[in-house]
Amino acid sequence: MSTSGIVDEAGAGGTDPADRASEGIEGGASAERLLLFTDAVAAISITLLILPLVDMVPEAAAAHERPSEVITDHLSQIWSFLLSFAVIANIWFEHHRAFSSVAKLTRPLMVWNMGWLLSIVVLPLPTEMISSFGGRDRFTGAFYYATLLAGVVFRLAMLRILKSTPELLDGDREKSRSRIENLYTDSCLTVVALVVAFAIALAFPVLQYYSLALLAVPPRVSRLRARRAAR
C-alpha cells in the first residue's frame, strides 16, 4: 500500500517511512473519539423513540381520558417503540463487538461508520410511521426494512475493511483478526436473513414485522459454529 499522503494525529504529512502507517490511517485517539461520538448518537436516537409516547400523555389529559387509556389505546405505538428499541440496542451491541479491538481508523472506515449512524438516526422516523399509519402499510414496512438493511450493509462494509486491514486492530492481532473474520461471516448471514425477512414482509403484509425473527438465526448459527470449533 502506498505511503504517500499519510496523515498523523494532527493531520500533517510524514517524511520518515519508518514512522508511517498504512495510507490514510489515523491515530488511536481518533478511534476513541469516533466511538464516543457513535455511542452518543446511538443513545440520542434510541431516546428519541420514546418522545412520541411522552407527547401522548398531555394529549390524553386534555381529552379527559383515563391514565390507563394512555396505554390501552396506544398499544400499536408502544409495540413499534419496543420493536425499534430492541433493534437499535442489538445493532449498537454488534457495532460495539466489531469496534472493541479497533485502535486505528482509515477514512473509508469513518465514512462507512457515518453511513451506519445515518441509518440509526433515521430509524425513529419509520418507527413513528408504523404507529401512525399501521403495521400493514407496505411503504412504511419497506421504509423500515430499507433503513435496517442499510445499517447492516454499512456494518458489513466496516467489517470488511477491518478484516482486510489487520493493522487497525490492537492487542493480540491474530486473535483479533480471527474474531473479526467470525463477525464478518455473521454479518453476511445477517444481511441474507434481513433480505429474506424483507421479501416475506412485502409478500405477506400480515407478517410484516414478525419476519424480523429471522435475525435470531445468524447468532444461533454462530454459536453452533463456535461449539464445533471448540471440539
Protein backbone atom coordinates (compact mmCIF):
# COMPACT_ATOMS: atom_id res chain seq x y z
CA MET A 1 0.00 0.00 0.00
CA SER A 2 1.35 3.43 -0.88
CA THR A 3 2.85 5.56 1.89
CA SER A 4 2.11 8.89 0.17
CA GLY A 5 -0.41 11.25 1.68
CA ILE A 6 -0.14 9.77 5.18
CA VAL A 7 -1.59 11.89 7.95
CA ASP A 8 -0.73 11.76 11.63
CA GLU A 9 -2.95 12.75 14.58
CA ALA A 10 -2.56 16.43 13.75
CA GLY A 11 -3.17 15.82 10.07
CA ALA A 12 0.37 16.72 8.91
CA GLY A 13 2.22 14.74 6.28
CA GLY A 14 5.07 12.48 7.42
CA THR A 15 8.53 12.25 5.90
CA ASP A 16 10.11 9.23 7.52
CA PRO A 17 8.79 5.92 6.10
CA ALA A 18 9.68 4.21 9.37
CA ASP A 19 7.22 6.45 11.21
CA ARG A 20 4.39 5.96 8.75
CA ALA A 21 1.48 3.55 8.93
CA SER A 22 -0.65 2.41 6.04
CA GLU A 23 -2.18 5.06 3.79
CA GLY A 24 -4.98 7.06 5.38
CA ILE A 25 -4.68 5.52 8.85
CA GLU A 26 -5.50 7.85 11.71
CA GLY A 27 -4.17 7.65 15.27
CA GLY A 28 -5.69 5.65 18.12
CA ALA A 29 -7.10 8.75 19.84
CA SER A 30 -9.24 9.38 16.76
CA ALA A 31 -10.66 5.87 17.06
CA GLU A 32 -11.64 6.55 20.66
CA ARG A 33 -13.26 9.85 19.75
CA LEU A 34 -15.22 8.25 16.92
CA LEU A 35 -16.53 5.54 19.24
CA LEU A 36 -17.59 8.12 21.84
CA PHE A 37 -19.37 10.10 19.12
CA THR A 38 -21.02 6.95 17.76
CA ASP A 39 -22.23 5.89 21.20
CA ALA A 40 -23.66 9.35 21.83
CA VAL A 41 -25.58 9.41 18.55
CA ALA A 42 -26.96 5.90 19.15
CA ALA A 43 -28.04 6.91 22.66
CA ILE A 44 -29.84 10.00 21.36
CA SER A 45 -31.59 8.02 18.62
CA ILE A 46 -32.81 5.33 21.00
CA THR A 47 -34.05 8.05 23.36
CA LEU A 48 -35.98 9.81 20.59
CA LEU A 49 -38.13 6.70 20.19
CA ILE A 50 -39.95 7.38 23.45
CA LEU A 51 -40.78 11.04 22.76
CA PRO A 52 -43.97 10.40 20.73
CA LEU A 53 -45.27 8.28 23.60
CA VAL A 54 -44.43 11.01 26.11
CA ASP A 55 -46.31 13.55 23.98
CA MET A 56 -49.46 11.41 24.20
CA VAL A 57 -49.76 11.97 27.96
CA PRO A 58 -50.74 15.68 27.89
CA GLU A 59 -52.94 14.99 24.86
CA ALA A 60 -54.81 12.28 26.77
CA ALA A 61 -55.13 14.55 29.81
CA ALA A 62 -56.54 17.37 27.66
CA ALA A 63 -59.09 14.93 26.21
CA HIS A 64 -60.07 13.88 29.76
CA GLU A 65 -59.04 10.28 29.15
CA ARG A 66 -58.22 7.95 31.99
CA PRO A 67 -54.49 7.38 32.68
CA SER A 68 -54.82 3.70 31.78
CA GLU A 69 -56.07 4.66 28.31
CA VAL A 70 -52.68 6.17 27.52
CA ILE A 71 -51.51 2.55 27.43
CA THR A 72 -54.56 0.60 26.28
CA ASP A 73 -55.44 2.98 23.42
CA HIS A 74 -51.91 3.17 22.04
CA LEU A 75 -50.69 -0.42 22.02
CA SER A 76 -49.51 -0.17 18.40
CA GLN A 77 -47.32 2.83 19.22
CA ILE A 78 -45.89 1.06 22.25
CA TRP A 79 -45.22 -2.05 20.19
CA SER A 80 -43.39 -0.10 17.47
CA PHE A 81 -41.34 1.65 20.18
CA LEU A 82 -40.31 -1.64 21.79
CA LEU A 83 -39.51 -3.15 18.39
CA SER A 84 -37.20 -0.32 17.35
CA PHE A 85 -35.67 -0.09 20.83
CA ALA A 86 -34.70 -3.76 20.60
CA VAL A 87 -33.42 -3.32 17.04
CA ILE A 88 -31.23 -0.28 17.84
CA ALA A 89 -29.93 -1.94 21.02
CA ASN A 90 -28.95 -5.05 19.05
CA ILE A 91 -27.38 -3.02 16.24
CA TRP A 92 -25.36 -0.97 18.74
CA PHE A 93 -24.23 -4.11 20.56
CA GLU A 94 -22.99 -5.65 17.29
CA HIS A 95 -21.17 -2.41 16.44
CA HIS A 96 -19.55 -2.46 19.89
CA ARG A 97 -18.36 -6.04 19.31
CA ALA A 98 -16.84 -5.06 15.98
CA PHE A 99 -15.00 -1.99 17.30
CA SER A 100 -13.93 -3.34 20.70
CA SER A 101 -10.42 -4.10 19.42
CA VAL A 102 -10.03 -1.26 16.90
CA ALA A 103 -7.12 1.05 17.71
CA LYS A 104 -6.78 3.00 14.46
CA LEU A 105 -9.02 4.25 11.69
CA THR A 106 -8.97 4.81 7.97
CA ARG A 107 -11.03 7.44 6.23
CA PRO A 108 -13.19 4.81 4.44
CA LEU A 109 -13.91 3.20 7.80
CA MET A 110 -15.00 6.56 9.18
CA VAL A 111 -17.22 7.21 6.16
CA TRP A 112 -18.96 3.82 6.45
CA ASN A 113 -19.40 4.43 10.16
CA MET A 114 -21.15 7.72 9.38
CA GLY A 115 -23.42 5.85 6.99
CA TRP A 116 -24.21 3.38 9.77
CA LEU A 117 -25.02 6.30 12.08
CA LEU A 118 -27.32 7.75 9.42
CA SER A 119 -29.38 4.55 9.45
CA ILE A 120 -29.62 4.75 13.25
CA VAL A 121 -30.67 8.40 13.20
CA VAL A 122 -33.33 7.78 10.53
CA LEU A 123 -34.89 4.76 12.26
CA PRO A 124 -37.17 6.76 14.63
CA LEU A 125 -38.94 8.16 11.53
CA PRO A 126 -40.26 4.84 10.11
CA THR A 127 -40.94 3.79 13.70
CA GLU A 128 -43.33 6.72 14.13
CA MET A 129 -44.83 5.97 10.71
CA ILE A 130 -45.61 2.41 11.84
CA SER A 131 -47.57 3.73 14.81
CA SER A 132 -49.34 6.41 12.73
CA PHE A 133 -50.16 4.53 9.52
CA GLY A 134 -50.49 0.99 10.81
CA GLY A 135 -48.27 -2.05 10.73
CA ARG A 136 -49.50 -3.40 7.38
CA ASP A 137 -48.76 -0.40 5.18
CA ARG A 138 -46.35 -1.64 2.51
CA PHE A 139 -44.49 1.63 2.01
CA THR A 140 -43.93 2.06 5.75
CA GLY A 141 -42.72 -1.53 6.01
CA ALA A 142 -40.40 -1.10 3.03
CA PHE A 143 -39.01 2.13 4.51
CA TYR A 144 -38.39 0.44 7.84
CA TYR A 145 -36.68 -2.59 6.31
CA ALA A 146 -34.63 -0.49 3.90
CA THR A 147 -33.30 1.53 6.84
CA LEU A 148 -32.35 -1.62 8.71
CA LEU A 149 -30.79 -3.15 5.60
CA ALA A 150 -28.69 -0.03 5.01
CA GLY A 151 -27.38 -0.28 8.58
CA VAL A 152 -26.32 -3.92 8.31
CA VAL A 153 -24.72 -3.34 4.90
CA PHE A 154 -22.73 -0.42 6.31
CA ARG A 155 -21.62 -2.65 9.18
CA LEU A 156 -20.61 -5.38 6.75
CA ALA A 157 -18.51 -2.85 4.82
CA MET A 158 -16.76 -1.76 8.04
CA LEU A 159 -16.02 -5.37 8.98
CA ARG A 160 -14.62 -5.99 5.51
CA ILE A 161 -12.21 -3.10 5.99
CA LEU A 162 -11.15 -4.41 9.43
CA LYS A 163 -10.80 -7.92 8.02
CA SER A 164 -8.52 -6.76 5.20
CA THR A 165 -6.55 -4.26 7.33
CA PRO A 166 -5.44 -6.08 10.50
CA GLU A 167 -3.02 -3.28 11.40
CA LEU A 168 -6.06 -1.32 12.59
CA LEU A 169 -6.54 -3.80 15.44
CA ASP A 170 -4.84 -3.76 18.82
CA GLY A 171 -3.89 -6.44 21.33
CA ASP A 172 -3.30 -9.97 20.06
CA ARG A 173 -3.57 -9.27 16.35
CA GLU A 174 -4.12 -12.88 15.33
CA LYS A 175 -6.85 -13.36 17.90
CA SER A 176 -8.48 -10.06 16.95
CA ARG A 177 -8.28 -10.90 13.27
CA SER A 178 -9.92 -14.28 13.85
CA ARG A 179 -12.70 -12.61 15.81
CA ILE A 180 -13.28 -10.03 13.06
CA GLU A 181 -13.44 -12.80 10.46
CA ASN A 182 -16.12 -14.55 12.51
CA LEU A 183 -18.05 -11.29 12.90
CA TYR A 184 -17.77 -10.71 9.15
CA THR A 185 -19.27 -14.14 8.46
CA ASP A 186 -22.07 -13.47 10.97
CA SER A 187 -22.73 -10.10 9.33
CA CYS A 188 -23.04 -11.74 5.91
CA LEU A 189 -25.62 -14.14 7.35
CA THR A 190 -27.47 -11.20 8.94
CA VAL A 191 -27.69 -9.42 5.58
CA VAL A 192 -29.10 -12.57 3.97
CA ALA A 193 -31.59 -13.07 6.83
CA LEU A 194 -32.76 -9.46 6.60
CA VAL A 195 -33.19 -9.64 2.82
CA VAL A 196 -35.33 -12.77 3.23
CA ALA A 197 -37.32 -11.08 6.02
CA PHE A 198 -37.80 -8.03 3.76
CA ALA A 199 -39.11 -10.23 0.95
CA ILE A 200 -41.52 -12.00 3.31
CA ALA A 201 -42.75 -8.67 4.67
CA LEU A 202 -43.51 -7.39 1.17
CA ALA A 203 -45.20 -10.61 0.08
CA PHE A 204 -47.22 -11.14 3.27
CA PRO A 205 -48.05 -7.82 4.99
CA VAL A 206 -49.67 -9.68 7.89
CA LEU A 207 -46.17 -10.99 8.75
CA GLN A 208 -44.52 -7.66 8.03
CA TYR A 209 -42.55 -7.30 11.26
CA TYR A 210 -42.79 -10.83 12.63
CA SER A 211 -40.38 -11.86 9.88
CA LEU A 212 -37.69 -9.93 11.79
CA ALA A 213 -37.49 -13.05 13.96
CA LEU A 214 -35.21 -14.41 11.22
CA LEU A 215 -32.50 -12.12 12.60
CA ALA A 216 -32.23 -14.53 15.53
CA VAL A 217 -30.93 -17.23 13.19
CA PRO A 218 -27.37 -15.88 12.48
CA PRO A 219 -26.41 -15.70 16.19
CA ARG A 220 -27.57 -19.28 16.70
CA VAL A 221 -25.55 -20.40 13.68
CA SER A 222 -22.55 -18.54 15.10
CA ARG A 223 -22.85 -20.30 18.46
CA LEU A 224 -23.13 -23.70 16.81
CA ARG A 225 -20.06 -22.95 14.70
CA ALA A 226 -18.14 -21.86 17.80
CA ARG A 227 -19.07 -25.07 19.65
CA ARG A 228 -17.88 -27.21 16.76
CA ALA A 229 -14.62 -25.28 16.55
CA ALA A 230 -14.05 -25.78 20.29
CA ARG A 231 -14.29 -29.57 20.00
